[in-house]
C-alpha atoms as a PDB file:
ATOM      1  CA  UNK A   1     -30.707  11.114  -7.258  1.00  0.00           C
ATOM      2  CA  UNK A   2     -27.806   8.999  -7.186  1.00  0.00           C
ATOM      3  CA  UNK A   3     -24.419   9.542  -6.047  1.00  0.00           C
ATOM      4  CA  UNK A   4     -20.802   7.925  -6.381  1.00  0.00           C
ATOM      5  CA  UNK A   5     -19.364   9.205  -2.702  1.00  0.00           C
ATOM      6  CA  UNK A   6     -16.482   6.115  -2.011  1.00  0.00           C
ATOM      7  CA  UNK A   7     -12.854   5.121  -3.377  1.00  0.00           C
ATOM      8  CA  UNK A   8     -12.754   2.172  -6.355  1.00  0.00           C
ATOM      9  CA  UNK A   9     -11.481  -1.026  -5.534  1.00  0.00           C
ATOM     10  CA  UNK A  10      -8.675  -2.113  -8.203  1.00  0.00           C
ATOM     11  CA  UNK A  11      -8.217  -5.938  -9.414  1.00  0.00           C
ATOM     12  CA  UNK A  12      -5.026  -6.155 -11.426  1.00  0.00           C
ATOM     13  CA  UNK A  13      -5.239 -10.059 -13.058  1.00  0.00           C
ATOM     14  CA  UNK A  14      -2.877 -11.364 -15.014  1.00  0.00           C
ATOM     15  CA  UNK A  15      -3.420 -13.827 -18.637  1.00  0.00           C
ATOM     16  CA  UNK A  16      -3.461 -16.653 -16.734  1.00  0.00           C
ATOM     17  CA  UNK A  17      -6.999 -14.680 -14.513  1.00  0.00           C
ATOM     18  CA  UNK A  18      -4.454 -14.898 -11.461  1.00  0.00           C
ATOM     19  CA  UNK A  19      -5.074 -11.693  -8.935  1.00  0.00           C
ATOM     20  CA  UNK A  20      -2.148  -9.827  -8.869  1.00  0.00           C
ATOM     21  CA  UNK A  21      -2.805  -6.974  -7.099  1.00  0.00           C
ATOM     22  CA  UNK A  22      -6.542  -5.487  -5.001  1.00  0.00           C
ATOM     23  CA  UNK A  23      -5.286  -2.049  -4.130  1.00  0.00           C
ATOM     24  CA  UNK A  24      -6.611  -0.561  -1.398  1.00  0.00           C
ATOM     25  CA  UNK A  25      -6.131   3.506  -2.763  1.00  0.00           C
ATOM     26  CA  UNK A  26      -6.725   6.721  -1.350  1.00  0.00           C
ATOM     27  CA  UNK A  27      -7.718   8.758  -4.945  1.00  0.00           C
ATOM     28  CA  UNK A  28      -8.618   7.023  -8.162  1.00  0.00           C
ATOM     29  CA  UNK A  29      -9.543   8.052 -11.400  1.00  0.00           C
ATOM     30  CA  UNK A  30     -10.117   6.968 -15.225  1.00  0.00           C
ATOM     31  CA  UNK A  31      -9.706   9.766 -17.239  1.00  0.00           C
ATOM     32  CA  UNK A  32     -11.094   9.839 -21.180  1.00  0.00           C
ATOM     33  CA  UNK A  33      -9.682  11.842 -23.531  1.00  0.00           C
ATOM     34  CA  UNK A  34     -10.793  11.296 -28.003  1.00  0.00           C
ATOM     35  CA  UNK A  35      -9.030  14.043 -30.283  1.00  0.00           C
ATOM     36  CA  UNK A  36     -11.380  16.018 -31.925  1.00  0.00           C
ATOM     37  CA  UNK A  37     -11.291  18.080 -35.255  1.00  0.00           C
ATOM     38  CA  UNK A  38     -13.583  20.761 -35.421  1.00  0.00           C
ATOM     39  CA  UNK A  39     -14.783  21.412 -39.107  1.00  0.00           C
ATOM     40  CA  UNK A  40     -15.623  24.659 -40.476  1.00  0.00           C
ATOM     41  CA  UNK A  41     -16.960  26.488 -43.315  1.00  0.00           C
ATOM     42  CA  UNK A  42     -19.627  29.126 -44.538  1.00  0.00           C
ATOM     43  CA  UNK A  43     -20.126  32.388 -43.912  1.00  0.00           C
ATOM     44  CA  UNK A  44     -18.407  33.845 -40.976  1.00  0.00           C
ATOM     45  CA  UNK A  45     -16.447  30.277 -41.052  1.00  0.00           C
ATOM     46  CA  UNK A  46     -18.885  28.451 -38.677  1.00  0.00           C
ATOM     47  CA  UNK A  47     -18.854  26.101 -36.705  1.00  0.00           C
ATOM     48  CA  UNK A  48     -21.097  22.418 -39.001  1.00  0.00           C
ATOM     49  CA  UNK A  49     -19.341  19.062 -37.526  1.00  0.00           C
ATOM     50  CA  UNK A  50     -16.737  17.955 -34.774  1.00  0.00           C
ATOM     51  CA  UNK A  51     -14.921  15.170 -36.173  1.00  0.00           C
ATOM     52  CA  UNK A  52     -13.981  12.449 -34.291  1.00  0.00           C
ATOM     53  CA  UNK A  53     -10.594  10.891 -33.956  1.00  0.00           C
ATOM     54  CA  UNK A  54      -8.913   7.998 -31.310  1.00  0.00           C
ATOM     55  CA  UNK A  55      -9.865   7.768 -27.477  1.00  0.00           C
ATOM     56  CA  UNK A  56      -7.913   7.417 -24.684  1.00  0.00           C
ATOM     57  CA  UNK A  57      -8.797   6.220 -21.540  1.00  0.00           C
ATOM     58  CA  UNK A  58      -5.580   6.197 -18.353  1.00  0.00           C
ATOM     59  CA  UNK A  59      -6.719   4.925 -15.350  1.00  0.00           C
ATOM     60  CA  UNK A  60      -4.459   6.267 -11.963  1.00  0.00           C
ATOM     61  CA  UNK A  61      -4.519   5.222  -8.456  1.00  0.00           C
ATOM     62  CA  UNK A  62      -2.781   6.434  -5.478  1.00  0.00           C
ATOM     63  CA  UNK A  63      -1.995   4.032  -1.933  1.00  0.00           C
ATOM     64  CA  UNK A  64      -0.125   3.754   0.613  1.00  0.00           C
ATOM     65  CA  UNK A  65      -0.029   0.402   1.129  1.00  0.00           C
ATOM     66  CA  UNK A  66       3.159  -0.897  -0.258  1.00  0.00           C
ATOM     67  CA  UNK A  67       2.739  -3.878  -2.498  1.00  0.00           C
ATOM     68  CA  UNK A  68       6.031  -5.446  -4.441  1.00  0.00           C
ATOM     69  CA  UNK A  69       3.570  -6.893  -6.277  1.00  0.00           C
ATOM     70  CA  UNK A  70       1.910  -4.143  -7.932  1.00  0.00           C
ATOM     71  CA  UNK A  71       5.930  -3.199  -8.518  1.00  0.00           C
ATOM     72  CA  UNK A  72       6.546  -6.280  -9.942  1.00  0.00           C
ATOM     73  CA  UNK A  73       3.930  -5.527 -12.555  1.00  0.00           C
ATOM     74  CA  UNK A  74       5.488  -1.577 -13.117  1.00  0.00           C
ATOM     75  CA  UNK A  75       9.068  -2.848 -13.662  1.00  0.00           C
ATOM     76  CA  UNK A  76       8.420  -6.074 -15.333  1.00  0.00           C
ATOM     77  CA  UNK A  77       9.597  -8.515 -14.176  1.00  0.00           C
ATOM     78  CA  UNK A  78       9.169 -11.259 -11.556  1.00  0.00           C
ATOM     79  CA  UNK A  79      10.585 -11.731  -6.985  1.00  0.00           C
ATOM     80  CA  UNK A  80      12.482 -14.021  -6.361  1.00  0.00           C
ATOM     81  CA  UNK A  81      12.655 -14.991  -3.060  1.00  0.00           C
ATOM     82  CA  UNK A  82      15.487 -16.555  -1.523  1.00  0.00           C
ATOM     83  CA  UNK A  83      18.345 -15.922   0.161  1.00  0.00           C
ATOM     84  CA  UNK A  84      20.894 -12.982  -0.329  1.00  0.00           C
ATOM     85  CA  UNK A  85      23.043 -10.249  -0.494  1.00  0.00           C
ATOM     86  CA  UNK A  86      22.696  -7.139   1.774  1.00  0.00           C
ATOM     87  CA  UNK A  87      24.319  -4.080   3.263  1.00  0.00           C
ATOM     88  CA  UNK A  88      24.708  -2.716   6.783  1.00  0.00           C
ATOM     89  CA  UNK A  89      23.903   0.644   7.297  1.00  0.00           C
ATOM     90  CA  UNK A  90      26.540   2.729   9.377  1.00  0.00           C
ATOM     91  CA  UNK A  91      26.208   2.106  13.804  1.00  0.00           C
ATOM     92  CA  UNK A  92      27.212   3.418  16.692  1.00  0.00           C
ATOM     93  CA  UNK A  93      28.470   0.229  19.179  1.00  0.00           C
ATOM     94  CA  UNK A  94      29.517   0.621  22.372  1.00  0.00           C
ATOM     95  CA  UNK A  95      32.532  -1.598  23.745  1.00  0.00           C
ATOM     96  CA  UNK A  96      32.974  -3.510  27.381  1.00  0.00           C
ATOM     97  CA  UNK A  97      36.470  -4.541  28.424  1.00  0.00           C
ATOM     98  CA  UNK A  98      39.434  -3.057  29.572  1.00  0.00           C
ATOM     99  CA  UNK A  99      43.121  -2.810  28.474  1.00  0.00           C
ATOM    100  CA  UNK A 100      44.514  -6.249  29.703  1.00  0.00           C
ATOM    101  CA  UNK A 101      41.728  -9.279  28.151  1.00  0.00           C
ATOM    102  CA  UNK A 102      40.646  -5.961  25.374  1.00  0.00           C
ATOM    103  CA  UNK A 103      37.501  -4.725  24.095  1.00  0.00           C
ATOM    104  CA  UNK A 104      34.452  -6.723  23.275  1.00  0.00           C
ATOM    105  CA  UNK A 105      31.574  -5.581  21.030  1.00  0.00           C
ATOM    106  CA  UNK A 106      28.313  -7.772  18.601  1.00  0.00           C
ATOM    107  CA  UNK A 107      27.255  -7.188  15.081  1.00  0.00           C
ATOM    108  CA  UNK A 108      23.568  -6.894  14.901  1.00  0.00           C
ATOM    109  CA  UNK A 109      24.507  -8.928  11.341  1.00  0.00           C
ATOM    110  CA  UNK A 110      27.248 -11.300  10.403  1.00  0.00           C
ATOM    111  CA  UNK A 111      29.481 -10.112   8.128  1.00  0.00           C
ATOM    112  CA  UNK A 112      30.322 -12.243   5.488  1.00  0.00           C
ATOM    113  CA  UNK A 113      33.740 -10.399   4.591  1.00  0.00           C
ATOM    114  CA  UNK A 114      35.691  -9.916   7.368  1.00  0.00           C
ATOM    115  CA  UNK A 115      38.217  -8.161   5.929  1.00  0.00           C
ATOM    116  CA  UNK A 116      35.575  -4.958   4.825  1.00  0.00           C
ATOM    117  CA  UNK A 117      34.687  -4.521   7.648  1.00  0.00           C
ATOM    118  CA  UNK A 118      35.566  -0.695   8.945  1.00  0.00           C
ATOM    119  CA  UNK A 119      35.837   0.166  12.450  1.00  0.00           C
ATOM    120  CA  UNK A 120      36.138   4.657  13.257  1.00  0.00           C
ATOM    121  CA  UNK A 121      36.807   6.037  16.862  1.00  0.00           C
ATOM    122  CA  UNK A 122      34.768   9.806  17.923  1.00  0.00           C
ATOM    123  CA  UNK A 123      37.914  11.483  16.823  1.00  0.00           C
ATOM    124  CA  UNK A 124      37.055   9.458  13.028  1.00  0.00           C
ATOM    125  CA  UNK A 125      41.134   8.236  13.166  1.00  0.00           C
ATOM    126  CA  UNK A 126      40.420   4.037  11.944  1.00  0.00           C
ATOM    127  CA  UNK A 127      40.597   1.046  14.697  1.00  0.00           C
ATOM    128  CA  UNK A 128      43.476  -0.912  12.898  1.00  0.00           C
ATOM    129  CA  UNK A 129      43.857  -4.246  15.438  1.00  0.00           C
ATOM    130  CA  UNK A 130      40.474  -4.981  15.937  1.00  0.00           C
ATOM    131  CA  UNK A 131      39.519  -8.816  15.270  1.00  0.00           C
ATOM    132  CA  UNK A 132      36.185 -10.120  13.674  1.00  0.00           C
ATOM    133  CA  UNK A 133      35.109 -13.629  14.106  1.00  0.00           C
ATOM    134  CA  UNK A 134      31.158 -14.838  13.388  1.00  0.00           C
ATOM    135  CA  UNK A 135      29.291 -11.093  14.667  1.00  0.00           C
ATOM    136  CA  UNK A 136      31.736 -10.310  17.840  1.00  0.00           C
ATOM    137  CA  UNK A 137      33.959  -7.765  17.160  1.00  0.00           C
ATOM    138  CA  UNK A 138      37.940  -7.555  19.214  1.00  0.00           C
ATOM    139  CA  UNK A 139      40.029  -4.560  19.844  1.00  0.00           C
ATOM    140  CA  UNK A 140      43.276  -5.381  21.610  1.00  0.00           C
ATOM    141  CA  UNK A 141      43.660  -1.497  22.690  1.00  0.00           C
ATOM    142  CA  UNK A 142      43.172   1.854  22.376  1.00  0.00           C
ATOM    143  CA  UNK A 143      40.155   1.641  24.119  1.00  0.00           C
ATOM    144  CA  UNK A 144      38.101   2.414  26.951  1.00  0.00           C
ATOM    145  CA  UNK A 145      35.366   0.837  28.786  1.00  0.00           C
ATOM    146  CA  UNK A 146      32.454   2.192  27.538  1.00  0.00           C
ATOM    147  CA  UNK A 147      33.184   4.418  24.766  1.00  0.00           C
ATOM    148  CA  UNK A 148      31.682   4.244  21.627  1.00  0.00           C
ATOM    149  CA  UNK A 149      32.819   2.751  18.255  1.00  0.00           C
ATOM    150  CA  UNK A 150      31.339   3.581  14.618  1.00  0.00           C
ATOM    151  CA  UNK A 151      30.751   0.178  12.362  1.00  0.00           C
ATOM    152  CA  UNK A 152      30.330   1.406   8.181  1.00  0.00           C
ATOM    153  CA  UNK A 153      28.798  -0.730   6.031  1.00  0.00           C
ATOM    154  CA  UNK A 154      29.060  -4.103   5.115  1.00  0.00           C
ATOM    155  CA  UNK A 155      27.712  -6.377   3.310  1.00  0.00           C
ATOM    156  CA  UNK A 156      26.068  -9.842   5.573  1.00  0.00           C
ATOM    157  CA  UNK A 157      23.756 -12.776   4.440  1.00  0.00           C
ATOM    158  CA  UNK A 158      19.774 -12.760   4.333  1.00  0.00           C
ATOM    159  CA  UNK A 159      16.969 -15.484   5.316  1.00  0.00           C
ATOM    160  CA  UNK A 160      15.218 -17.180   2.968  1.00  0.00           C
ATOM    161  CA  UNK A 161      12.225 -15.281   2.856  1.00  0.00           C
ATOM    162  CA  UNK A 162      13.879 -12.112   0.676  1.00  0.00           C
ATOM    163  CA  UNK A 163      11.864 -11.497  -2.030  1.00  0.00           C
ATOM    164  CA  UNK A 164      14.524  -9.234  -4.387  1.00  0.00           C
ATOM    165  CA  UNK A 165      12.710  -7.014  -7.596  1.00  0.00           C
ATOM    166  CA  UNK A 166      15.719  -6.107 -10.477  1.00  0.00           C
ATOM    167  CA  UNK A 167      15.268  -3.241 -12.870  1.00  0.00           C
ATOM    168  CA  UNK A 168      16.194  -4.747 -16.389  1.00  0.00           C
ATOM    169  CA  UNK A 169      16.237  -2.172 -18.193  1.00  0.00           C
ATOM    170  CA  UNK A 170      15.354  -4.468 -21.880  1.00  0.00           C
ATOM    171  CA  UNK A 171      12.441  -5.608 -19.425  1.00  0.00           C
ATOM    172  CA  UNK A 172       8.995  -3.997 -19.807  1.00  0.00           C
ATOM    173  CA  UNK A 173       5.454  -4.994 -17.970  1.00  0.00           C
ATOM    174  CA  UNK A 174       3.513  -6.802 -20.006  1.00  0.00           C
ATOM    175  CA  UNK A 175      -0.595  -6.375 -20.201  1.00  0.00           C
ATOM    176  CA  UNK A 176      -3.257  -7.363 -17.180  1.00  0.00           C
ATOM    177  CA  UNK A 177      -7.412  -6.813 -17.213  1.00  0.00           C
ATOM    178  CA  UNK A 178      -8.551  -4.141 -14.240  1.00  0.00           C
ATOM    179  CA  UNK A 179     -11.292  -3.724 -12.308  1.00  0.00           C
ATOM    180  CA  UNK A 180     -12.536  -1.035 -10.885  1.00  0.00           C
ATOM    181  CA  UNK A 181     -15.449  -1.154  -8.884  1.00  0.00           C
ATOM    182  CA  UNK A 182     -17.332   0.955  -6.834  1.00  0.00           C
ATOM    183  CA  UNK A 183     -20.758   2.257  -4.591  1.00  0.00           C
ATOM    184  CA  UNK A 184     -24.153   4.252  -6.012  1.00  0.00           C
ATOM    185  CA  UNK A 185     -25.610   5.656  -3.101  1.00  0.00           C
ATOM    186  CA  UNK A 186     -29.450   7.395  -3.076  1.00  0.00           C
ATOM    187  CA  UNK A 187     -29.609  11.071  -1.357  1.00  0.00           C
ATOM    188  CA  UNK A 188     -30.528   8.881   2.131  1.00  0.00           C
ATOM    189  CA  UNK A 189     -26.662   7.704   1.874  1.00  0.00           C
ATOM    190  CA  UNK A 190     -28.186   3.811   1.213  1.00  0.00           C
ATOM    191  CA  UNK A 191     -25.891   1.665  -0.912  1.00  0.00           C
ATOM    192  CA  UNK A 192     -27.978   1.022  -3.940  1.00  0.00           C
ATOM    193  CA  UNK A 193     -25.477  -0.443  -6.780  1.00  0.00           C
ATOM    194  CA  UNK A 194     -21.744  -1.185  -7.412  1.00  0.00           C
ATOM    195  CA  UNK A 195     -20.495   0.170 -10.298  1.00  0.00           C
ATOM    196  CA  UNK A 196     -18.114  -1.371 -11.893  1.00  0.00           C
ATOM    197  CA  UNK A 197     -15.774  -0.557 -14.938  1.00  0.00           C
ATOM    198  CA  UNK A 198     -13.995  -3.514 -16.299  1.00  0.00           C
ATOM    199  CA  UNK A 199     -11.015  -2.904 -18.849  1.00  0.00           C
ATOM    200  CA  UNK A 200      -9.684  -6.781 -20.564  1.00  0.00           C
ATOM    201  CA  UNK A 201      -5.998  -4.902 -22.280  1.00  0.00           C
ATOM    202  CA  UNK A 202      -4.348  -2.513 -19.703  1.00  0.00           C
ATOM    203  CA  UNK A 203      -1.122  -1.476 -20.229  1.00  0.00           C
ATOM    204  CA  UNK A 204       1.434  -0.863 -16.345  1.00  0.00           C
ATOM    205  CA  UNK A 205       2.943   2.698 -17.020  1.00  0.00           C
ATOM    206  CA  UNK A 206       7.489   1.823 -17.018  1.00  0.00           C
ATOM    207  CA  UNK A 207       7.244   4.634 -15.089  1.00  0.00           C
ATOM    208  CA  UNK A 208       6.899   5.210 -10.870  1.00  0.00           C
ATOM    209  CA  UNK A 209       8.764   6.788  -8.185  1.00  0.00           C
ATOM    210  CA  UNK A 210       8.710   6.826  -4.600  1.00  0.00           C
ATOM    211  CA  UNK A 211       8.906  10.582  -2.493  1.00  0.00           C
ATOM    212  CA  UNK A 212       9.634  10.568   1.195  1.00  0.00           C
ATOM    213  CA  UNK A 213      10.539  12.963   4.115  1.00  0.00           C
ATOM    214  CA  UNK A 214      11.643  13.029   7.635  1.00  0.00           C
ATOM    215  CA  UNK A 215       8.075  13.725   8.753  1.00  0.00           C
ATOM    216  CA  UNK A 216       6.805   9.708   9.706  1.00  0.00           C
ATOM    217  CA  UNK A 217       4.549   9.352   7.076  1.00  0.00           C
ATOM    218  CA  UNK A 218       3.130   7.117   4.744  1.00  0.00           C
ATOM    219  CA  UNK A 219       4.840   7.540   1.364  1.00  0.00           C
ATOM    220  CA  UNK A 220       1.646   7.497  -1.107  1.00  0.00           C
ATOM    221  CA  UNK A 221       2.638   4.696  -4.630  1.00  0.00           C
ATOM    222  CA  UNK A 222       1.847   6.331  -7.506  1.00  0.00           C
ATOM    223  CA  UNK A 223      -0.034   3.458 -10.344  1.00  0.00           C
ATOM    224  CA  UNK A 224      -0.640   4.525 -14.415  1.00  0.00           C
ATOM    225  CA  UNK A 225      -2.188   2.881 -16.427  1.00  0.00           C
ATOM    226  CA  UNK A 226      -3.482   2.798 -19.814  1.00  0.00           C
ATOM    227  CA  UNK A 227      -6.612   0.838 -21.910  1.00  0.00           C
ATOM    228  CA  UNK A 228      -5.294  -1.030 -25.072  1.00  0.00           C
ATOM    229  CA  UNK A 229      -8.005  -2.288 -28.102  1.00  0.00           C
ATOM    230  CA  UNK A 230      -8.038  -5.822 -28.049  1.00  0.00           C
ATOM    231  CA  UNK A 231      -7.023  -7.494 -30.839  1.00  0.00           C
ATOM    232  CA  UNK A 232     -10.495  -8.913 -32.233  1.00  0.00           C
ATOM    233  CA  UNK A 233     -13.093  -5.683 -30.499  1.00  0.00           C
ATOM    234  CA  UNK A 234     -13.799  -2.351 -30.917  1.00  0.00           C
ATOM    235  CA  UNK A 235     -14.825  -2.782 -27.078  1.00  0.00           C
ATOM    236  CA  UNK A 236     -12.114  -0.911 -25.130  1.00  0.00           C
ATOM    237  CA  UNK A 237     -14.163  -1.241 -21.649  1.00  0.00           C
ATOM    238  CA  UNK A 238     -17.050  -1.788 -20.421  1.00  0.00           C
ATOM    239  CA  UNK A 239     -19.639  -0.074 -17.260  1.00  0.00           C
ATOM    240  CA  UNK A 240     -21.956  -2.778 -14.965  1.00  0.00           C
ATOM    241  CA  UNK A 241     -24.480  -1.144 -13.081  1.00  0.00           C
ATOM    242  CA  UNK A 242     -24.666  -4.070 -10.832  1.00  0.00           C
ATOM    243  CA  UNK A 243     -28.319  -3.790  -8.086  1.00  0.00           C
ATOM    244  CA  UNK A 244     -27.359  -4.332  -4.615  1.00  0.00           C
ATOM    245  CA  UNK A 245     -29.865  -6.525  -3.179  1.00  0.00           C
ATOM    246  CA  UNK A 246     -31.532  -6.979  -0.849  1.00  0.00           C
END
């Protein structure tokens, strides 16, 4: 008696043979569907034959591990690494100082455009006499030592390690090769074989979604692929049973 009791490992390989993703999956499925049509005839309109049409294979997987490289295959564009521009989110800061020397605080990032930095007091009124130099903000008057002010969004420069993935309305994913592997075990729970599925021409789905919640837990990313027929072959996939040698 043999059992399949482990999740698939997934390799996504591009046309040049480079590994684009090696995903750790929470759930993975291979769904094979074949179109059929019944032929009925004779007394009682009995079923006398079943005609088979096209066969489709869809591969789906859920992974809690976020990988921009995997997402890039579904988007159909390349990852660009280098300096960029990002947005700071609203944050409260505590000011220090007095009415003589003024009040100061330090921003987390250096704004690219100091004229676009908007500061508000706790009562919602805007601070109009603020001067921004680098990360330092100085306010002449109208505050008290220890008072909090809120800085609304501003843009800042990111470093050279920033990765950017553009979602282009006219670009779609290229074909890849997918290899899936799982473990076959005996009734004594000892590994006996590797079961490996290989599909030479696979189209990543252009659809993707992220679902998050206020509870602190990993967001699961669903990946979907459809197997295509190779140009010069009727073999759309292979299944290998590889013995585990002692």
